[in-house]
Each structure stands twice: as structure tokens, then as C-alpha cells.
PDB file of N, CA and C in Angstrom:
ATOM      1  N   MET A   1      11.983   0.339 -84.291  1.00  0.00           N
ATOM      2  CA  MET A   1      12.513  -0.819 -84.119  1.00  0.00           C
ATOM      3  C   MET A   1      13.630  -0.822 -83.421  1.00  0.00           C
ATOM      4  N   GLU A   2      14.133  -0.062 -82.833  1.00  0.00           N
ATOM      5  CA  GLU A   2      15.070   0.336 -81.367  1.00  0.00           C
ATOM      6  C   GLU A   2      14.551   0.114 -80.831  1.00  0.00           C
ATOM      7  N   ARG A   3      13.485   0.607 -81.013  1.00  0.00           N
ATOM      8  CA  ARG A   3      12.979   0.385 -79.240  1.00  0.00           C
ATOM      9  C   ARG A   3      12.854  -1.229 -79.227  1.00  0.00           C
ATOM     10  N   MET A   4      12.565  -2.143 -79.950  1.00  0.00           N
ATOM     11  CA  MET A   4      12.086  -3.029 -79.609  1.00  0.00           C
ATOM     12  C   MET A   4      13.435  -4.075 -79.069  1.00  0.00           C
ATOM     13  N   LEU A   5      14.333  -3.796 -79.600  1.00  0.00           N
ATOM     14  CA  LEU A   5      15.675  -4.539 -80.057  1.00  0.00           C
ATOM     15  C   LEU A   5      16.769  -3.716 -78.272  1.00  0.00           C
ATOM     16  N   GLY A   6      15.725  -2.642 -77.651  1.00  0.00           N
ATOM     17  CA  GLY A   6      16.842  -2.231 -76.500  1.00  0.00           C
ATOM     18  C   GLY A   6      15.873  -2.787 -75.139  1.00  0.00           C
ATOM     19  N   ALA A   7      14.657  -3.434 -75.953  1.00  0.00           N
ATOM     20  CA  ALA A   7      14.034  -3.663 -74.388  1.00  0.00           C
ATOM     21  C   ALA A   7      14.820  -5.697 -74.516  1.00  0.00           C
ATOM     22  N   ASP A   8      15.525  -6.122 -75.173  1.00  0.00           N
ATOM     23  CA  ASP A   8      15.917  -6.910 -74.354  1.00  0.00           C
ATOM     24  C   ASP A   8      17.399  -6.906 -73.712  1.00  0.00           C
ATOM     25  N   ARG A   9      17.846  -5.864 -74.092  1.00  0.00           N
ATOM     26  CA  ARG A   9      19.274  -5.751 -72.883  1.00  0.00           C
ATOM     27  C   ARG A   9      19.082  -5.807 -71.584  1.00  0.00           C
ATOM     28  N   PRO A  10      17.634  -5.443 -71.243  1.00  0.00           N
ATOM     29  CA  PRO A  10      17.974  -5.364 -69.405  1.00  0.00           C
ATOM     30  C   PRO A  10      17.374  -7.274 -69.392  1.00  0.00           C
ATOM     31  N   LYS A  11      17.135  -8.034 -70.432  1.00  0.00           N
ATOM     32  CA  LYS A  11      17.304  -9.561 -69.914  1.00  0.00           C
ATOM     33  C   LYS A  11      19.073 -10.357 -70.351  1.00  0.00           C
ATOM     34  N   GLU A  12      18.979  -9.838 -71.506  1.00  0.00           N
ATOM     35  CA  GLU A  12      20.609 -10.194 -72.030  1.00  0.00           C
ATOM     36  C   GLU A  12      21.688  -9.936 -70.589  1.00  0.00           C
ATOM     37  N   LYS A  13      20.909  -8.915 -69.891  1.00  0.00           N
ATOM     38  CA  LYS A  13      22.170  -7.958 -68.888  1.00  0.00           C
ATOM     39  C   LYS A  13      22.013  -9.193 -67.456  1.00  0.00           C
ATOM     40  N   ASN A  14      20.704  -9.408 -67.356  1.00  0.00           N
ATOM     41  CA  ASN A  14      20.700 -10.340 -66.242  1.00  0.00           C
ATOM     42  C   ASN A  14      20.563 -11.757 -67.087  1.00  0.00           C
ATOM     43  N   LEU A  15      21.479 -12.492 -67.389  1.00  0.00           N
ATOM     44  CA  LEU A  15      21.139 -13.438 -68.332  1.00  0.00           C
ATOM     45  C   LEU A  15      22.832 -13.512 -67.963  1.00  0.00           C
ATOM     46  N   ARG A  16      23.916 -12.967 -68.854  1.00  0.00           N
ATOM     47  CA  ARG A  16      25.536 -12.141 -68.176  1.00  0.00           C
ATOM     48  C   ARG A  16      25.127 -12.267 -66.387  1.00  0.00           C
ATOM     49  N   ARG A  17      25.091 -11.623 -65.728  1.00  0.00           N
ATOM     50  CA  ARG A  17      24.961 -11.632 -64.612  1.00  0.00           C
ATOM     51  C   ARG A  17      25.084 -13.432 -64.031  1.00  0.00           C
ATOM     52  N   ALA A  18      23.461 -13.678 -63.937  1.00  0.00           N
ATOM     53  CA  ALA A  18      23.557 -15.012 -63.611  1.00  0.00           C
ATOM     54  C   ALA A  18      23.761 -16.203 -64.026  1.00  0.00           C
ATOM     55  N   TYR A  19      25.591 -15.758 -65.065  1.00  0.00           N
ATOM     56  CA  TYR A  19      25.714 -17.804 -65.837  1.00  0.00           C
ATOM     57  C   TYR A  19      27.047 -16.736 -64.992  1.00  0.00           C
ATOM     58  N   ARG A  20      27.396 -15.902 -65.216  1.00  0.00           N
ATOM     59  CA  ARG A  20      28.580 -15.189 -64.328  1.00  0.00           C
ATOM     60  C   ARG A  20      28.750 -16.239 -62.517  1.00  0.00           C
ATOM     61  N   ARG A  21      27.797 -15.761 -61.734  1.00  0.00           N
ATOM     62  CA  ARG A  21      27.717 -15.731 -60.914  1.00  0.00           C
ATOM     63  C   ARG A  21      26.787 -17.649 -60.321  1.00  0.00           C
ATOM     64  N   LEU A  22      26.746 -18.301 -61.667  1.00  0.00           N
ATOM     65  CA  LEU A  22      27.241 -19.519 -61.416  1.00  0.00           C
ATOM     66  C   LEU A  22      27.920 -20.311 -62.133  1.00  0.00           C
ATOM     67  N   VAL A  23      28.716 -19.906 -63.047  1.00  0.00           N
ATOM     68  CA  VAL A  23      30.249 -20.810 -63.388  1.00  0.00           C
ATOM     69  C   VAL A  23      30.912 -20.040 -62.069  1.00  0.00           C
ATOM     70  N   ALA A  24      30.878 -19.466 -61.063  1.00  0.00           N
ATOM     71  CA  ALA A  24      31.471 -18.590 -60.155  1.00  0.00           C
ATOM     72  C   ALA A  24      31.261 -19.654 -58.963  1.00  0.00           C
ATOM     73  N   HIS A  25      30.031 -20.368 -58.690  1.00  0.00           N
ATOM     74  CA  HIS A  25      29.926 -20.511 -57.314  1.00  0.00           C
ATOM     75  C   HIS A  25      30.120 -22.415 -57.825  1.00  0.00           C
ATOM     76  N   GLN A  26      30.323 -22.262 -57.047  1.00  0.00           N
ATOM     77  CA  GLN A  26      31.236 -24.107 -57.576  1.00  0.00           C
ATOM     78  C   GLN A  26      30.261 -25.142 -56.204  1.00  0.00           C
ATOM     79  N   PRO A  27      30.149 -24.617 -55.117  1.00  0.00           N
ATOM     80  CA  PRO A  27      29.014 -25.569 -54.284  1.00  0.00           C
ATOM     81  C   PRO A  27      27.875 -26.154 -55.492  1.00  0.00           C
ATOM     82  N   PHE A  28      27.140 -24.690 -56.171  1.00  0.00           N
ATOM     83  CA  PHE A  28      25.499 -25.181 -56.303  1.00  0.00           C
ATOM     84  C   PHE A  28      25.931 -26.045 -57.753  1.00  0.00           C
ATOM     85  N   ARG A  29      26.633 -25.133 -58.264  1.00  0.00           N
ATOM     86  CA  ARG A  29      26.900 -26.115 -59.488  1.00  0.00           C
ATOM     87  C   ARG A  29      27.615 -28.032 -59.208  1.00  0.00           C
ATOM     88  N   ARG A  30      28.198 -28.279 -58.283  1.00  0.00           N
ATOM     89  CA  ARG A  30      28.587 -29.661 -57.706  1.00  0.00           C
ATOM     90  C   ARG A  30      26.929 -30.033 -57.842  1.00  0.00           C
ATOM     91  N   ILE A  31      26.299 -29.415 -56.813  1.00  0.00           N
ATOM     92  CA  ILE A  31      24.452 -30.391 -56.348  1.00  0.00           C
ATOM     93  C   ILE A  31      24.315 -30.601 -57.825  1.00  0.00           C
ATOM     94  N   LEU A  32      24.446 -30.045 -58.248  1.00  0.00           N
ATOM     95  CA  LEU A  32      23.448 -29.690 -59.883  1.00  0.00           C
ATOM     96  C   LEU A  32      23.866 -30.648 -60.984  1.00  0.00           C
ATOM     97  N   ARG A  33      25.305 -31.150 -60.820  1.00  0.00           N
ATOM     98  CA  ARG A  33      25.919 -32.245 -61.248  1.00  0.00           C
ATOM     99  C   ARG A  33      25.632 -33.129 -61.572  1.00  0.00           C
ATOM    100  N   ARG A  34      25.043 -33.248 -59.469  1.00  0.00           N
ATOM    101  CA  ARG A  34      24.946 -34.987 -59.351  1.00  0.00           C
ATOM    102  C   ARG A  34      24.072 -34.935 -59.491  1.00  0.00           C
ATOM    103  N   LEU A  35      22.886 -34.262 -59.724  1.00  0.00           N
ATOM    104  CA  LEU A  35      21.940 -34.168 -60.056  1.00  0.00           C
ATOM    105  C   LEU A  35      21.297 -34.943 -61.682  1.00  0.00           C
ATOM    106  N   GLY A  36      22.468 -34.491 -62.584  1.00  0.00           N
ATOM    107  CA  GLY A  36      22.764 -35.375 -63.484  1.00  0.00           C
ATOM    108  C   GLY A  36      22.716 -33.809 -64.592  1.00  0.00           C
ATOM    109  N   VAL A  37      22.568 -32.835 -63.716  1.00  0.00           N
ATOM    110  CA  VAL A  37      22.237 -31.280 -64.553  1.00  0.00           C
ATOM    111  C   VAL A  37      23.386 -30.688 -64.947  1.00  0.00           C
ATOM    112  N   ASP A  38      23.552 -30.436 -66.013  1.00  0.00           N
ATOM    113  CA  ASP A  38      24.541 -29.335 -66.316  1.00  0.00           C
ATOM    114  C   ASP A  38      24.054 -28.013 -66.512  1.00  0.00           C
ATOM    115  N   PRO A  39      24.785 -27.527 -65.844  1.00  0.00           N
ATOM    116  CA  PRO A  39      24.544 -25.933 -65.086  1.00  0.00           C
ATOM    117  C   PRO A  39      25.364 -24.785 -66.550  1.00  0.00           C
ATOM    118  N   SER A  40      25.492 -25.846 -67.331  1.00  0.00           N
ATOM    119  CA  SER A  40      26.032 -24.670 -68.570  1.00  0.00           C
ATOM    120  C   SER A  40      25.399 -24.914 -69.561  1.00  0.00           C
ATOM    121  N   GLY A  41      23.935 -25.271 -69.466  1.00  0.00           N
ATOM    122  CA  GLY A  41      22.976 -25.963 -70.126  1.00  0.00           C
ATOM    123  C   GLY A  41      22.194 -24.411 -70.974  1.00  0.00           C
ATOM    124  N   SER A  42      21.427 -24.312 -71.979  1.00  0.00           N
ATOM    125  CA  SER A  42      20.367 -23.285 -72.153  1.00  0.00           C
ATOM    126  C   SER A  42      19.238 -23.561 -70.734  1.00  0.00           C
ATOM    127  N   TRP A  43      18.916 -24.501 -70.806  1.00  0.00           N
ATOM    128  CA  TRP A  43      17.739 -24.916 -69.633  1.00  0.00           C
ATOM    129  C   TRP A  43      17.357 -24.313 -69.060  1.00  0.00           C
ATOM    130  N   TRP A  44      18.079 -23.031 -67.888  1.00  0.00           N
ATOM    131  CA  TRP A  44      17.466 -22.436 -67.133  1.00  0.00           C
ATOM    132  C   TRP A  44      17.782 -20.995 -67.757  1.00  0.00           C
ATOM    133  N   ARG A  45      17.501 -20.282 -69.477  1.00  0.00           N
ATOM    134  CA  ARG A  45      17.496 -19.531 -69.604  1.00  0.00           C
ATOM    135  C   ARG A  45      15.808 -18.808 -69.599  1.00  0.00           C
ATOM    136  N   GLY A  46      15.660 -17.352 -69.439  1.00  0.00           N
ATOM    137  CA  GLY A  46      14.380 -17.112 -68.731  1.00  0.00           C
ATOM    138  C   GLY A  46      13.985 -17.592 -67.466  1.00  0.00           C
ATOM    139  N   SER A  47      14.880 -17.856 -66.548  1.00  0.00           N
ATOM    140  CA  SER A  47      14.699 -18.044 -65.147  1.00  0.00           C
ATOM    141  C   SER A  47      15.966 -17.611 -64.295  1.00  0.00           C
ATOM    142  N   GLU A  48      16.567 -16.324 -64.961  1.00  0.00           N
ATOM    143  CA  GLU A  48      17.937 -16.194 -64.547  1.00  0.00           C
ATOM    144  C   GLU A  48      17.521 -15.507 -62.685  1.00  0.00           C
ATOM    145  N   ASP A  49      16.059 -14.586 -62.507  1.00  0.00           N
ATOM    146  CA  ASP A  49      16.479 -14.168 -61.451  1.00  0.00           C
ATOM    147  C   ASP A  49      16.352 -14.987 -60.610  1.00  0.00           C
ATOM    148  N   VAL A  50      15.196 -16.225 -60.748  1.00  0.00           N
ATOM    149  CA  VAL A  50      15.813 -17.174 -59.879  1.00  0.00           C
ATOM    150  C   VAL A  50      17.314 -17.835 -59.520  1.00  0.00           C
ATOM    151  N   ILE A  51      17.699 -18.331 -60.157  1.00  0.00           N
ATOM    152  CA  ILE A  51      19.484 -18.770 -60.104  1.00  0.00           C
ATOM    153  C   ILE A  51      19.855 -17.117 -59.239  1.00  0.00           C
ATOM    154  N   TYR A  52      19.855 -16.175 -60.088  1.00  0.00           N
ATOM    155  CA  TYR A  52      20.600 -15.735 -59.600  1.00  0.00           C
ATOM    156  C   TYR A  52      20.707 -15.299 -58.039  1.00  0.00           C
ATOM    157  N   ARG A  53      18.910 -14.732 -57.685  1.00  0.00           N
ATOM    158  CA  ARG A  53      18.227 -15.623 -56.215  1.00  0.00           C
ATOM    159  C   ARG A  53      19.114 -16.611 -55.458  1.00  0.00           C
ATOM    160  N   ALA A  54      19.163 -18.100 -55.891  1.00  0.00           N
ATOM    161  CA  ALA A  54      19.358 -18.466 -55.180  1.00  0.00           C
ATOM    162  C   ALA A  54      20.941 -18.882 -55.206  1.00  0.00           C
ATOM    163  N   LEU A  55      21.091 -18.441 -55.978  1.00  0.00           N
ATOM    164  CA  LEU A  55      23.437 -18.910 -56.059  1.00  0.00           C
ATOM    165  C   LEU A  55      23.457 -17.306 -54.820  1.00  0.00           C
ATOM    166  N   GLY A  56      22.814 -16.005 -54.143  1.00  0.00           N
ATOM    167  CA  GLY A  56      22.975 -15.899 -53.152  1.00  0.00           C
ATOM    168  C   GLY A  56      22.355 -16.050 -52.018  1.00  0.00           C
ATOM    169  N   THR A  57      21.819 -16.613 -51.963  1.00  0.00           N
ATOM    170  CA  THR A  57      21.459 -17.403 -51.153  1.00  0.00           C
ATOM    171  C   THR A  57      22.231 -18.344 -50.694  1.00  0.00           C
ATOM    172  N   CYS A  58      22.842 -19.361 -51.359  1.00  0.00           N
ATOM    173  CA  CYS A  58      24.154 -20.344 -51.526  1.00  0.00           C
ATOM    174  C   CYS A  58      25.070 -19.510 -50.769  1.00  0.00           C
ATOM    175  N   LEU A  59      25.791 -18.291 -50.676  1.00  0.00           N
ATOM    176  CA  LEU A  59      26.841 -17.589 -51.096  1.00  0.00           C
ATOM    177  C   LEU A  59      26.407 -17.081 -49.409  1.00  0.00           C
ATOM    178  N   THR A  60      25.699 -17.138 -49.197  1.00  0.00           N
ATOM    179  CA  THR A  60      25.505 -16.323 -47.333  1.00  0.00           C
ATOM    180  C   THR A  60      24.795 -17.453 -46.248  1.00  0.00           C
ATOM    181  N   CYS A  61      24.874 -19.297 -47.179  1.00  0.00           N
ATOM    182  CA  CYS A  61      24.571 -19.691 -46.404  1.00  0.00           C
ATOM    183  C   CYS A  61      24.696 -20.410 -45.208  1.00  0.00           C
ATOM    184  N   SER A  62      24.219 -20.674 -43.897  1.00  0.00           N
ATOM    185  CA  SER A  62      25.274 -20.910 -42.713  1.00  0.00           C
ATOM    186  C   SER A  62      25.360 -22.517 -42.632  1.00  0.00           C
ATOM    187  N   HIS A  63      25.309 -23.444 -43.831  1.00  0.00           N
ATOM    188  CA  HIS A  63      25.014 -24.633 -43.872  1.00  0.00           C
ATOM    189  C   HIS A  63      27.008 -24.544 -44.359  1.00  0.00           C
ATOM    190  N   ALA A  64      27.677 -23.614 -44.931  1.00  0.00           N
ATOM    191  CA  ALA A  64      28.779 -23.567 -45.888  1.00  0.00           C
ATOM    192  C   ALA A  64      29.546 -24.844 -45.620  1.00  0.00           C
ATOM    193  N   GLY A  65      29.716 -24.825 -44.670  1.00  0.00           N
ATOM    194  CA  GLY A  65      30.965 -25.893 -44.239  1.00  0.00           C
ATOM    195  C   GLY A  65      30.508 -27.737 -44.431  1.00  0.00           C
ATOM    196  N   ALA A  66      28.640 -28.239 -43.471  1.00  0.00           N
ATOM    197  CA  ALA A  66      28.336 -29.125 -44.021  1.00  0.00           C
ATOM    198  C   ALA A  66      28.262 -29.366 -45.304  1.00  0.00           C
ATOM    199  N   CYS A  67      28.172 -27.991 -46.423  1.00  0.00           N
ATOM    200  CA  CYS A  67      27.480 -28.276 -47.864  1.00  0.00           C
ATOM    201  C   CYS A  67      28.715 -29.162 -48.744  1.00  0.00           C
ATOM    202  N   ARG A  68      29.728 -28.150 -48.234  1.00  0.00           N
ATOM    203  CA  ARG A  68      31.422 -28.924 -48.613  1.00  0.00           C
ATOM    204  C   ARG A  68      31.668 -30.165 -48.222  1.00  0.00           C
ATOM    205  N   SER A  69      31.189 -30.419 -47.228  1.00  0.00           N
ATOM    206  CA  SER A  69      31.170 -31.851 -45.649  1.00  0.00           C
ATOM    207  C   SER A  69      30.654 -32.954 -46.937  1.00  0.00           C
ATOM    208  N   TRP A  70      28.848 -32.490 -47.036  1.00  0.00           N
ATOM    209  CA  TRP A  70      28.730 -33.477 -47.991  1.00  0.00           C
ATOM    210  C   TRP A  70      28.565 -33.228 -49.490  1.00  0.00           C
ATOM    211  N   LEU A  71      28.924 -32.423 -49.955  1.00  0.00           N
ATOM    212  CA  LEU A  71      30.011 -32.901 -51.480  1.00  0.00           C
ATOM    213  C   LEU A  71      30.566 -33.861 -51.847  1.00  0.00           C
ATOM    214  N   GLU A  72      31.921 -34.113 -50.576  1.00  0.00           N
ATOM    215  CA  GLU A  72      33.016 -35.073 -50.975  1.00  0.00           C
ATOM    216  C   GLU A  72      32.872 -36.164 -50.517  1.00  0.00           C
ATOM    217  N   GLN A  73      31.062 -36.779 -50.080  1.00  0.00           N
ATOM    218  CA  GLN A  73      31.316 -37.792 -49.776  1.00  0.00           C
ATOM    219  C   GLN A  73      30.169 -38.990 -50.671  1.00  0.00           C
ATOM    220  N   ASP A  74      30.220 -39.745 -50.527  1.00  0.00           N
ATOM    221  CA  ASP A  74      28.852 -40.420 -51.868  1.00  0.00           C
ATOM    222  C   ASP A  74      27.839 -40.489 -51.175  1.00  0.00           C
ATOM    223  N   HIS A  75      26.815 -39.951 -52.366  1.00  0.00           N
ATOM    224  CA  HIS A  75      25.392 -40.561 -51.790  1.00  0.00           C
ATOM    225  C   HIS A  75      24.847 -40.958 -52.632  1.00  0.00           C
ATOM    226  N   PRO A  76      23.989 -42.211 -52.586  1.00  0.00           N
ATOM    227  CA  PRO A  76      24.081 -43.026 -53.305  1.00  0.00           C
ATOM    228  C   PRO A  76      22.525 -42.111 -53.839  1.00  0.00           C
ATOM    229  N   GLY A  77      22.102 -42.806 -55.052  1.00  0.00           N
ATOM    230  CA  GLY A  77      20.539 -41.909 -55.467  1.00  0.00           C
ATOM    231  C   GLY A  77      21.164 -40.424 -55.992  1.00  0.00           C
ATOM    232  N   GLU A  78      19.750 -40.244 -56.717  1.00  0.00           N
ATOM    233  CA  GLU A  78      20.210 -38.210 -57.185  1.00  0.00           C
ATOM    234  C   GLU A  78      19.746 -37.605 -56.137  1.00  0.00           C
ATOM    235  N   SER A  79      20.242 -37.096 -54.900  1.00  0.00           N
ATOM    236  CA  SER A  79      19.973 -36.096 -53.962  1.00  0.00           C
ATOM    237  C   SER A  79      20.680 -34.840 -53.524  1.00  0.00           C
ATOM    238  N   TYR A  80      19.778 -34.188 -53.070  1.00  0.00           N
ATOM    239  CA  TYR A  80      20.338 -32.851 -52.709  1.00  0.00           C
ATOM    240  C   TYR A  80      20.511 -32.923 -50.903  1.00  0.00           C
ATOM    241  N   PRO A  81      21.451 -32.561 -50.456  1.00  0.00           N
ATOM    242  CA  PRO A  81      21.206 -32.484 -48.945  1.00  0.00           C
ATOM    243  C   PRO A  81      19.721 -31.772 -48.179  1.00  0.00           C
ATOM    244  N   CYS A  82      19.886 -32.242 -47.551  1.00  0.00           N
ATOM    245  CA  CYS A  82      17.739 -32.065 -46.644  1.00  0.00           C
ATOM    246  C   CYS A  82      17.783 -30.468 -45.618  1.00  0.00           C
ATOM    247  N   PHE A  83      19.412 -29.857 -45.604  1.00  0.00           N
ATOM    248  CA  PHE A  83      19.900 -28.530 -45.108  1.00  0.00           C
ATOM    249  C   PHE A  83      19.967 -27.762 -46.005  1.00  0.00           C
ATOM    250  N   CYS A  84      19.532 -27.879 -46.701  1.00  0.00           N
ATOM    251  CA  CYS A  84      19.941 -27.076 -48.374  1.00  0.00           C
ATOM    252  C   CYS A  84      18.666 -25.941 -48.247  1.00  0.00           C
ATOM    253  N   PRO A  85      19.103 -25.045 -47.974  1.00  0.00           N
ATOM    254  CA  PRO A  85      17.671 -23.612 -48.807  1.00  0.00           C
ATOM    255  C   PRO A  85      17.422 -23.534 -49.867  1.00  0.00           C
ATOM    256  N   ASN A  86      18.252 -24.425 -50.596  1.00  0.00           N
ATOM    257  CA  ASN A  86      18.033 -24.490 -52.107  1.00  0.00           C
ATOM    258  C   ASN A  86      16.980 -25.357 -52.760  1.00  0.00           C
ATOM    259  N   GLY A  87      16.692 -26.626 -51.669  1.00  0.00           N
ATOM    260  CA  GLY A  87      16.443 -27.601 -52.115  1.00  0.00           C
ATOM    261  C   GLY A  87      15.025 -27.552 -53.236  1.00  0.00           C
ATOM    262  N   ALA A  88      14.101 -26.309 -52.901  1.00  0.00           N
ATOM    263  CA  ALA A  88      12.964 -26.510 -53.830  1.00  0.00           C
ATOM    264  C   ALA A  88      13.491 -25.964 -55.339  1.00  0.00           C
ATOM    265  N   VAL A  89      14.551 -24.835 -55.689  1.00  0.00           N
ATOM    266  CA  VAL A  89      15.137 -24.421 -56.330  1.00  0.00           C
ATOM    267  C   VAL A  89      15.767 -25.302 -57.159  1.00  0.00           C
ATOM    268  N   VAL A  90      16.478 -26.423 -56.366  1.00  0.00           N
ATOM    269  CA  VAL A  90      17.074 -27.163 -57.588  1.00  0.00           C
ATOM    270  C   VAL A  90      16.453 -28.369 -57.780  1.00  0.00           C
ATOM    271  N   GLU A  91      15.566 -28.533 -57.031  1.00  0.00           N
ATOM    272  CA  GLU A  91      14.605 -30.042 -57.851  1.00  0.00           C
ATOM    273  C   GLU A  91      13.872 -28.835 -58.856  1.00  0.00           C
ATOM    274  N   LEU A  92      13.735 -27.264 -58.746  1.00  0.00           N
ATOM    275  CA  LEU A  92      13.596 -26.555 -60.588  1.00  0.00           C
ATOM    276  C   LEU A  92      14.174 -26.764 -61.394  1.00  0.00           C
ATOM    277  N   CYS A  93      15.333 -26.648 -60.856  1.00  0.00           N
ATOM    278  CA  CYS A  93      16.890 -26.854 -61.944  1.00  0.00           C
ATOM    279  C   CYS A  93      16.071 -28.050 -62.521  1.00  0.00           C
ATOM    280  N   ARG A  94      16.220 -29.312 -61.863  1.00  0.00           N
ATOM    281  CA  ARG A  94      16.115 -30.401 -62.934  1.00  0.00           C
ATOM    282  C   ARG A  94      15.103 -30.774 -63.451  1.00  0.00           C
ATOM    283  N   ALA A  95      13.522 -30.391 -62.912  1.00  0.00           N
ATOM    284  CA  ALA A  95      12.947 -30.483 -64.111  1.00  0.00           C
ATOM    285  C   ALA A  95      12.719 -29.555 -65.268  1.00  0.00           C
ATOM    286  N   MET A  96      13.507 -28.276 -64.882  1.00  0.00           N
ATOM    287  CA  MET A  96      13.649 -27.636 -65.594  1.00  0.00           C
ATOM    288  C   MET A  96      14.908 -27.488 -67.149  1.00  0.00           C
ATOM    289  N   ALA A  97      15.736 -28.936 -66.611  1.00  0.00           N
ATOM    290  CA  ALA A  97      16.552 -29.326 -67.440  1.00  0.00           C
ATOM    291  C   ALA A  97      15.596 -31.493 -68.072  1.00  0.00           C
ATOM    292  N   ARG A  98      15.428 -31.396 -67.314  1.00  0.00           N
ATOM    293  CA  ARG A  98      14.731 -32.804 -68.236  1.00  0.00           C
ATOM    294  C   ARG A  98      14.093 -32.759 -68.980  1.00  0.00           C
ATOM    295  N   ASP A  99      12.841 -30.931 -68.987  1.00  0.00           N
ATOM    296  CA  ASP A  99      12.262 -30.830 -69.932  1.00  0.00           C
ATOM    297  C   ASP A  99      12.376 -29.962 -71.041  1.00  0.00           C
ATOM    298  N   ALA A 100      13.764 -29.662 -70.962  1.00  0.00           N
ATOM    299  CA  ALA A 100      15.350 -29.106 -71.848  1.00  0.00           C
ATOM    300  C   ALA A 100      15.313 -30.991 -72.882  1.00  0.00           C
ATOM    301  N   ASP A 101      15.718 -31.257 -71.969  1.00  0.00           N
ATOM    302  CA  ASP A 101      16.576 -32.481 -72.737  1.00  0.00           C
ATOM    303  C   ASP A 101      15.458 -33.398 -73.780  1.00  0.00           C
ATOM    304  N   ARG A 102      13.766 -32.902 -73.308  1.00  0.00           N
ATOM    305  CA  ARG A 102      12.994 -34.108 -73.786  1.00  0.00           C
ATOM    306  C   ARG A 102      12.199 -33.107 -74.686  1.00  0.00           C
ATOM    307  N   ARG A 103      12.461 -32.039 -74.868  1.00  0.00           N
ATOM    308  CA  ARG A 103      11.806 -30.804 -75.907  1.00  0.00           C
ATOM    309  C   ARG A 103      13.348 -31.232 -77.587  1.00  0.00           C
ATOM    310  N   LEU A 104      14.894 -31.840 -76.588  1.00  0.00           N
ATOM    311  CA  LEU A 104      15.474 -31.857 -77.805  1.00  0.00           C
ATOM    312  C   LEU A 104      15.861 -33.162 -78.513  1.00  0.00           C
ATOM    313  N   SER A 105      14.900 -33.936 -77.705  1.00  0.00           N
ATOM    314  CA  SER A 105      14.578 -35.419 -78.206  1.00  0.00           C
ATOM    315  C   SER A 105      13.837 -35.449 -79.673  1.00  0.00           C
TER     316      SER A 105
END
């Protein structure tokens, strides 16, 4: 039984690590919020590694200045910057949040 309980500890550690990075990184969170995705929701549980890598990409992105400028402007509709290297992850987050909302409804 103890071995079974201990098996979840690495997952919990990854979850906490990903959550801390998500909370600390404003640009990624602001893009998600703009798309109607609550970054503090539980929709991303089970995808911690994807989110963690995306946040790492965001933290080292060469388009950080352009991203900040883009976030300061109004953009019609639900979009994210075309230059964002995490565009596919942003879309994945939107889809996962939408699916989670449907399951809760």
C-alpha cells in the first residue's frame, strides 16, 4: 500500500512545480485569460510537463518585447500572437479548458 501511495509523489511534485511556474509567469497567464481560460483551474492537471515546458519556452522567448506590446493592445476576437512559439500549446490549453467546462456542466 505504501508503495502505491508513494507512486503519486512524483506527480504531485510535477504538479506543484508546474503550478508555481504558471502562477509566476504573467505573459502566458495573460494570453490564457484573454482566451477565456482560467490559469488557476484544474483543467491542466495531467499535462503538467507540457505546461512546464511551454512556460520554459515562454521565459526564454526571443519575442518577449513583442509579446508584452501585443498584450498591451486590444485584439478583436479570441487570438494569441502569431509569433508565439507556444501557439499550439495555447490552443491545447483552450481545448482542455473547454472540455473540462463541458464535463462540469
